């Protein structure tokens, strides 16, 4: 039976030991959930309704369903997703174990929505997104997040995109990105191939404002900076450095919206400065063994 971590107080929220340390819960309830011994742990019970909302969001996002109220059952009526980050971007929650618990998003475009990576699949969730308006495209950032792409694309009548480097993860994709040069796939929406984390990793940038970075870039709470996940690089850290070097002066954004790791907003000039510093740091890195425990969340 799964064990739980609890804290004293009138409520009995808990987190069981199925947690895979994907960081999702800590992003959504940062004052209540912390990393401890390689997984998320509840440090105290919520004190007010705002904190209960945070825990409910974390619970509905958790890919292992490890976060539970005292009743043991989550009320579907408390599901806050999709959760608006801005007027144009929604965080979808319902992270999937089949995509390593990655975050996914909807981004509003002039012709409808595009989905960047996917939540777990269900017809109820797909119908929820369809009710918001047409979803024209499902954009996969790389192979690790491809599991539900075809299901969502078919249900929503959308085109499925992936890069040729990871095509074997979605061989029936409708659109295949090639090479390493940026491609405008719709007005104001640019795909930036970014080999490194995987051969076929891609960043998608909307209106030079929103950068959906998959597992290529993220904001680290530990370092307070933009980082690469050098400890979890499946393809090549040298190629990651080359991708960063190619991006300098080309990649422009204000919001960094990763699959794993913290989201962060900053002025475009600051983002450019941080990318340049990261490119210099990354150029000094050398291949090493994959070590999930070394990720600097």
Protein backbone atom coordinates (compact mmCIF):
# COMPACT_ATOMS: atom_id res chain seq x y z
CA UNK A 1 0.00 0.00 0.00
CA UNK A 2 1.23 3.51 -0.82
CA UNK A 3 2.47 5.54 2.10
CA UNK A 4 1.58 9.19 2.59
CA UNK A 5 3.15 12.36 3.89
CA UNK A 6 0.86 14.47 6.04
CA UNK A 7 1.12 17.58 8.16
CA UNK A 8 -0.64 18.57 11.33
CA UNK A 9 -3.80 20.64 11.12
CA UNK A 10 -7.55 20.41 10.79
CA UNK A 11 -7.36 19.10 7.21
CA UNK A 12 -5.88 15.85 6.01
CA UNK A 13 -4.46 16.42 2.55
CA UNK A 14 -1.70 13.95 1.74
CA UNK A 15 0.83 12.93 -0.93
CA UNK A 16 1.55 9.26 -1.43
CA UNK A 17 4.81 7.61 -2.46
CA UNK A 18 3.86 7.09 -6.11
CA UNK A 19 5.22 10.61 -6.74
CA UNK A 20 7.77 10.64 -9.60
CA UNK A 21 9.24 14.06 -8.72
CA UNK A 22 7.96 15.69 -11.92
CA UNK A 23 7.77 19.09 -10.12
CA UNK A 24 4.22 19.87 -11.29
CA UNK A 25 2.73 20.06 -7.80
CA UNK A 26 5.48 22.36 -6.55
CA UNK A 27 4.81 24.75 -9.41
CA UNK A 28 1.12 24.98 -8.55
CA UNK A 29 1.34 24.97 -4.73
CA UNK A 30 4.83 26.31 -3.98
CA UNK A 31 4.15 27.31 -0.38
CA UNK A 32 2.60 23.96 0.52
CA UNK A 33 4.63 21.36 -1.36
CA UNK A 34 8.42 21.05 -1.43
CA UNK A 35 10.95 18.55 -2.74
CA UNK A 36 12.10 16.13 -0.05
CA UNK A 37 14.14 12.95 -0.52
CA UNK A 38 13.60 12.99 -4.27
CA UNK A 39 9.86 13.54 -4.36
CA UNK A 40 7.19 16.05 -3.45
CA UNK A 41 6.15 16.29 0.18
CA UNK A 42 3.37 18.26 1.85
CA UNK A 43 4.95 20.63 4.37
CA UNK A 44 1.70 21.83 5.94
CA UNK A 45 -2.06 21.86 5.49
CA UNK A 46 -3.79 24.75 3.68
CA UNK A 47 -4.78 27.71 5.84
CA UNK A 48 -7.38 29.39 3.63
CA UNK A 49 -9.42 28.93 0.48
CA UNK A 50 -6.68 30.33 -1.75
CA UNK A 51 -4.31 27.62 -0.57
CA UNK A 52 -7.00 24.97 -0.96
CA UNK A 53 -7.38 26.07 -4.59
CA UNK A 54 -3.64 25.64 -5.06
CA UNK A 55 -3.75 22.11 -3.67
CA UNK A 56 -6.78 21.23 -5.78
CA UNK A 57 -4.97 22.44 -8.90
CA UNK A 58 -1.91 20.39 -7.96
CA UNK A 59 -4.09 17.35 -7.34
CA UNK A 60 -5.90 17.59 -10.69
CA UNK A 61 -2.57 18.07 -12.50
CA UNK A 62 -0.59 15.32 -10.72
CA UNK A 63 0.14 12.52 -13.22
CA UNK A 64 0.20 9.81 -10.54
CA UNK A 65 -2.86 11.14 -8.67
CA UNK A 66 -0.69 11.17 -5.56
CA UNK A 67 -2.23 14.30 -3.98
CA UNK A 68 -5.46 13.62 -2.12
CA UNK A 69 -7.87 15.38 0.21
CA UNK A 70 -8.94 13.63 3.40
CA UNK A 71 -11.91 12.05 1.62
CA UNK A 72 -9.52 10.32 -0.78
CA UNK A 73 -11.66 11.41 -3.73
CA UNK A 74 -11.20 14.50 -5.85
CA UNK A 75 -14.39 16.36 -6.67
CA UNK A 76 -14.52 16.94 -10.46
CA UNK A 77 -16.27 20.23 -9.75
CA UNK A 78 -13.03 21.56 -8.23
CA UNK A 79 -11.02 21.02 -11.44
CA UNK A 80 -9.61 24.47 -12.40
CA UNK A 81 -8.23 23.46 -15.80
CA UNK A 82 -7.72 24.84 -18.36
CA UNK A 83 -6.11 27.52 -16.19
CA UNK A 84 -5.50 30.92 -17.82
CA UNK A 85 -1.91 32.13 -17.61
CA UNK A 86 -2.67 35.06 -19.93
CA UNK A 87 -5.53 35.93 -22.29
CA UNK A 88 -3.78 33.91 -24.99
CA UNK A 89 -2.33 30.94 -23.07
CA UNK A 90 -4.02 28.23 -21.02
CA UNK A 91 -2.26 25.65 -18.86
CA UNK A 92 -4.06 22.32 -19.39
CA UNK A 93 -3.13 20.36 -16.24
CA UNK A 94 -4.10 16.67 -16.18
CA UNK A 95 -0.46 15.77 -16.79
CA UNK A 96 0.11 12.30 -18.15
CA UNK A 97 2.38 9.56 -16.84
CA UNK A 98 2.88 8.63 -20.51
CA UNK A 99 4.59 11.99 -21.19
CA UNK A 100 6.74 11.93 -18.02
CA UNK A 101 4.25 14.26 -16.34
CA UNK A 102 4.92 17.14 -18.75
CA UNK A 103 2.94 20.38 -18.79
CA UNK A 104 0.90 21.20 -21.88
CA UNK A 105 -0.74 24.35 -23.16
CA UNK A 106 -3.31 25.87 -25.49
CA UNK A 107 -2.29 29.08 -27.26
CA UNK A 108 -4.89 31.29 -28.93
CA UNK A 109 -4.19 32.13 -32.56
CA UNK A 110 -6.18 34.18 -35.11
CA UNK A 111 -7.61 31.00 -36.68
CA UNK A 112 -8.19 29.08 -33.44
CA UNK A 113 -6.14 27.37 -30.76
CA UNK A 114 -2.94 25.37 -31.04
CA UNK A 115 -2.10 22.71 -28.45
CA UNK A 116 1.54 22.42 -27.43
CA UNK A 117 2.23 18.91 -26.14
CA UNK A 118 -0.72 17.16 -24.55
CA UNK A 119 -2.36 16.28 -21.24
CA UNK A 120 -3.49 12.73 -20.58
CA UNK A 121 -6.07 11.71 -23.13
CA UNK A 122 -9.78 11.41 -22.47
CA UNK A 123 -12.75 12.22 -24.67
CA UNK A 124 -14.14 14.42 -21.89
CA UNK A 125 -10.98 16.54 -21.85
CA UNK A 126 -10.86 16.71 -25.65
CA UNK A 127 -14.49 17.86 -25.71
CA UNK A 128 -13.67 20.48 -23.09
CA UNK A 129 -10.96 21.94 -25.33
CA UNK A 130 -13.12 21.73 -28.45
CA UNK A 131 -15.78 23.77 -26.65
CA UNK A 132 -13.32 26.67 -26.45
CA UNK A 133 -13.19 26.92 -30.23
CA UNK A 134 -11.38 25.16 -33.08
CA UNK A 135 -8.03 23.56 -32.27
CA UNK A 136 -6.15 23.64 -35.56
CA UNK A 137 -2.81 22.08 -34.64
CA UNK A 138 -1.15 19.83 -32.05
CA UNK A 139 2.53 20.78 -31.81
CA UNK A 140 4.85 18.18 -30.29
CA UNK A 141 8.08 19.51 -28.83
CA UNK A 142 9.85 16.13 -28.89
CA UNK A 143 9.47 12.37 -28.62
CA UNK A 144 9.00 12.17 -24.82
CA UNK A 145 5.75 14.14 -25.08
CA UNK A 146 4.28 12.45 -28.17
CA UNK A 147 2.15 9.72 -26.59
CA UNK A 148 -1.32 11.31 -26.88
CA UNK A 149 -0.71 13.53 -29.90
CA UNK A 150 -2.49 11.43 -32.50
CA UNK A 151 -5.51 10.88 -30.25
CA UNK A 152 -5.99 14.59 -29.64
CA UNK A 153 -5.35 15.53 -33.26
CA UNK A 154 -7.94 13.03 -34.50
CA UNK A 155 -10.56 13.97 -31.91
CA UNK A 156 -10.10 17.71 -32.48
CA UNK A 157 -9.66 17.59 -36.26
CA UNK A 158 -6.20 19.11 -35.90
CA UNK A 159 -2.88 18.67 -37.71
CA UNK A 160 -0.17 16.83 -35.76
CA UNK A 161 3.38 18.24 -35.98
CA UNK A 162 6.75 16.74 -35.05
CA UNK A 163 10.37 17.09 -36.18
CA UNK A 164 11.92 14.45 -38.43
CA UNK A 165 14.50 13.68 -35.76
CA UNK A 166 11.80 12.25 -33.50
CA UNK A 167 9.43 11.08 -36.24
CA UNK A 168 9.53 7.48 -35.07
CA UNK A 169 7.62 8.62 -31.95
CA UNK A 170 4.77 9.94 -34.13
CA UNK A 171 5.21 8.30 -37.55
CA UNK A 172 1.69 9.26 -38.64
CA UNK A 173 2.23 13.00 -38.05
CA UNK A 174 0.52 15.25 -40.58
CA UNK A 175 3.34 17.80 -40.76
CA UNK A 176 7.06 17.06 -40.37
CA UNK A 177 9.61 19.75 -39.56
CA UNK A 178 13.07 19.29 -41.05
CA UNK A 179 16.56 20.64 -40.56
CA UNK A 180 17.69 23.18 -37.99
CA UNK A 181 16.49 26.50 -39.44
CA UNK A 182 13.47 28.31 -37.93
CA UNK A 183 10.24 27.85 -39.91
CA UNK A 184 7.14 30.06 -39.75
CA UNK A 185 4.40 27.43 -39.66
CA UNK A 186 1.60 30.02 -39.44
CA UNK A 187 1.65 33.83 -39.35
CA UNK A 188 3.42 34.81 -36.13
CA UNK A 189 4.06 31.18 -35.09
CA UNK A 190 7.63 29.96 -35.58
CA UNK A 191 9.11 26.50 -35.01
CA UNK A 192 12.75 26.58 -33.90
CA UNK A 193 14.36 23.12 -34.28
CA UNK A 194 16.56 22.68 -31.21
CA UNK A 195 18.39 19.33 -31.19
CA UNK A 196 20.02 18.46 -27.91
CA UNK A 197 17.62 17.02 -25.35
CA UNK A 198 16.50 14.76 -28.21
CA UNK A 199 17.46 14.81 -31.88
CA UNK A 200 14.04 16.19 -32.83
CA UNK A 201 13.45 18.74 -30.07
CA UNK A 202 11.64 21.92 -31.15
CA UNK A 203 10.74 25.24 -29.55
CA UNK A 204 7.53 26.93 -30.71
CA UNK A 205 7.38 30.72 -30.39
CA UNK A 206 4.16 32.72 -30.83
CA UNK A 207 4.32 36.43 -31.70
CA UNK A 208 7.86 36.67 -30.26
CA UNK A 209 6.15 36.55 -26.88
CA UNK A 210 5.49 32.96 -25.84
CA UNK A 211 8.23 30.32 -26.04
CA UNK A 212 6.96 26.77 -25.57
CA UNK A 213 10.25 25.06 -24.92
CA UNK A 214 9.45 21.42 -24.19
CA UNK A 215 12.42 20.01 -22.29
CA UNK A 216 15.03 22.16 -24.04
CA UNK A 217 14.93 25.23 -21.75
CA UNK A 218 13.30 25.95 -18.40
CA UNK A 219 13.40 28.40 -15.51
CA UNK A 220 15.17 26.96 -12.47
CA UNK A 221 14.01 28.02 -9.02
CA UNK A 222 17.34 26.72 -7.69
CA UNK A 223 19.54 28.97 -9.82
CA UNK A 224 17.05 31.74 -10.57
CA UNK A 225 17.94 31.54 -14.25
CA UNK A 226 17.17 29.95 -17.60
CA UNK A 227 18.77 26.50 -17.72
CA UNK A 228 19.11 23.35 -19.82
CA UNK A 229 18.52 19.95 -18.28
CA UNK A 230 22.07 18.75 -18.85
CA UNK A 231 21.54 15.84 -16.43
CA UNK A 232 18.69 14.53 -18.60
CA UNK A 233 20.04 15.00 -22.13
CA UNK A 234 19.17 11.95 -24.20
CA UNK A 235 20.81 12.98 -27.49
CA UNK A 236 23.77 15.36 -27.17
CA UNK A 237 24.79 18.19 -24.86
CA UNK A 238 27.15 19.42 -27.59
CA UNK A 239 24.20 19.68 -29.98
CA UNK A 240 22.27 21.49 -27.26
CA UNK A 241 25.10 24.02 -27.08
CA UNK A 242 25.05 24.38 -30.87
CA UNK A 243 21.30 24.94 -30.83
CA UNK A 244 21.71 27.67 -28.24
CA UNK A 245 24.45 29.33 -30.27
CA UNK A 246 22.24 29.33 -33.40
CA UNK A 247 19.36 30.86 -31.42
CA UNK A 248 21.24 33.96 -30.26
CA UNK A 249 19.78 37.09 -31.80
CA UNK A 250 17.07 34.97 -33.46
CA UNK A 251 15.05 33.52 -30.57
CA UNK A 252 13.00 36.29 -28.95
CA UNK A 253 10.33 35.85 -26.26
CA UNK A 254 8.92 37.16 -22.97
CA UNK A 255 7.32 34.02 -21.52
CA UNK A 256 9.28 30.80 -21.06
CA UNK A 257 6.75 27.95 -20.95
CA UNK A 258 8.47 24.56 -20.57
CA UNK A 259 7.20 21.01 -20.36
CA UNK A 260 9.24 20.43 -17.21
CA UNK A 261 10.49 23.11 -14.86
CA UNK A 262 9.15 26.47 -13.83
CA UNK A 263 7.38 28.97 -16.09
CA UNK A 264 8.76 32.50 -16.06
CA UNK A 265 8.02 35.91 -17.56
CA UNK A 266 10.73 38.49 -18.23
CA UNK A 267 11.40 41.34 -20.67
CA UNK A 268 12.62 40.14 -24.06
CA UNK A 269 15.92 41.94 -23.54
CA UNK A 270 16.49 40.06 -20.29
CA UNK A 271 15.61 36.75 -21.95
CA UNK A 272 18.19 37.48 -24.66
CA UNK A 273 20.83 38.32 -22.06
CA UNK A 274 20.13 35.15 -20.10
CA UNK A 275 20.22 33.01 -23.26
CA UNK A 276 23.62 34.42 -24.17
CA UNK A 277 24.97 33.63 -20.71
CA UNK A 278 23.42 30.14 -20.88
CA UNK A 279 25.00 29.53 -24.29
CA UNK A 280 28.41 30.33 -22.83
CA UNK A 281 27.82 27.98 -19.86
CA UNK A 282 26.44 25.22 -22.05
CA UNK A 283 29.45 25.38 -24.38
CA UNK A 284 31.59 24.24 -21.43
CA UNK A 285 29.46 21.18 -20.66
CA UNK A 286 30.53 17.67 -21.61
CA UNK A 287 28.51 14.46 -21.91
CA UNK A 288 27.64 12.71 -18.67
CA UNK A 289 25.33 9.95 -17.46
CA UNK A 290 21.60 10.61 -17.22
CA UNK A 291 20.81 11.46 -13.60
CA UNK A 292 17.25 12.54 -12.80
CA UNK A 293 18.27 13.37 -9.25
CA UNK A 294 20.67 16.05 -10.49
CA UNK A 295 18.01 18.22 -12.16
CA UNK A 296 18.10 21.68 -10.60
CA UNK A 297 14.40 22.42 -10.26
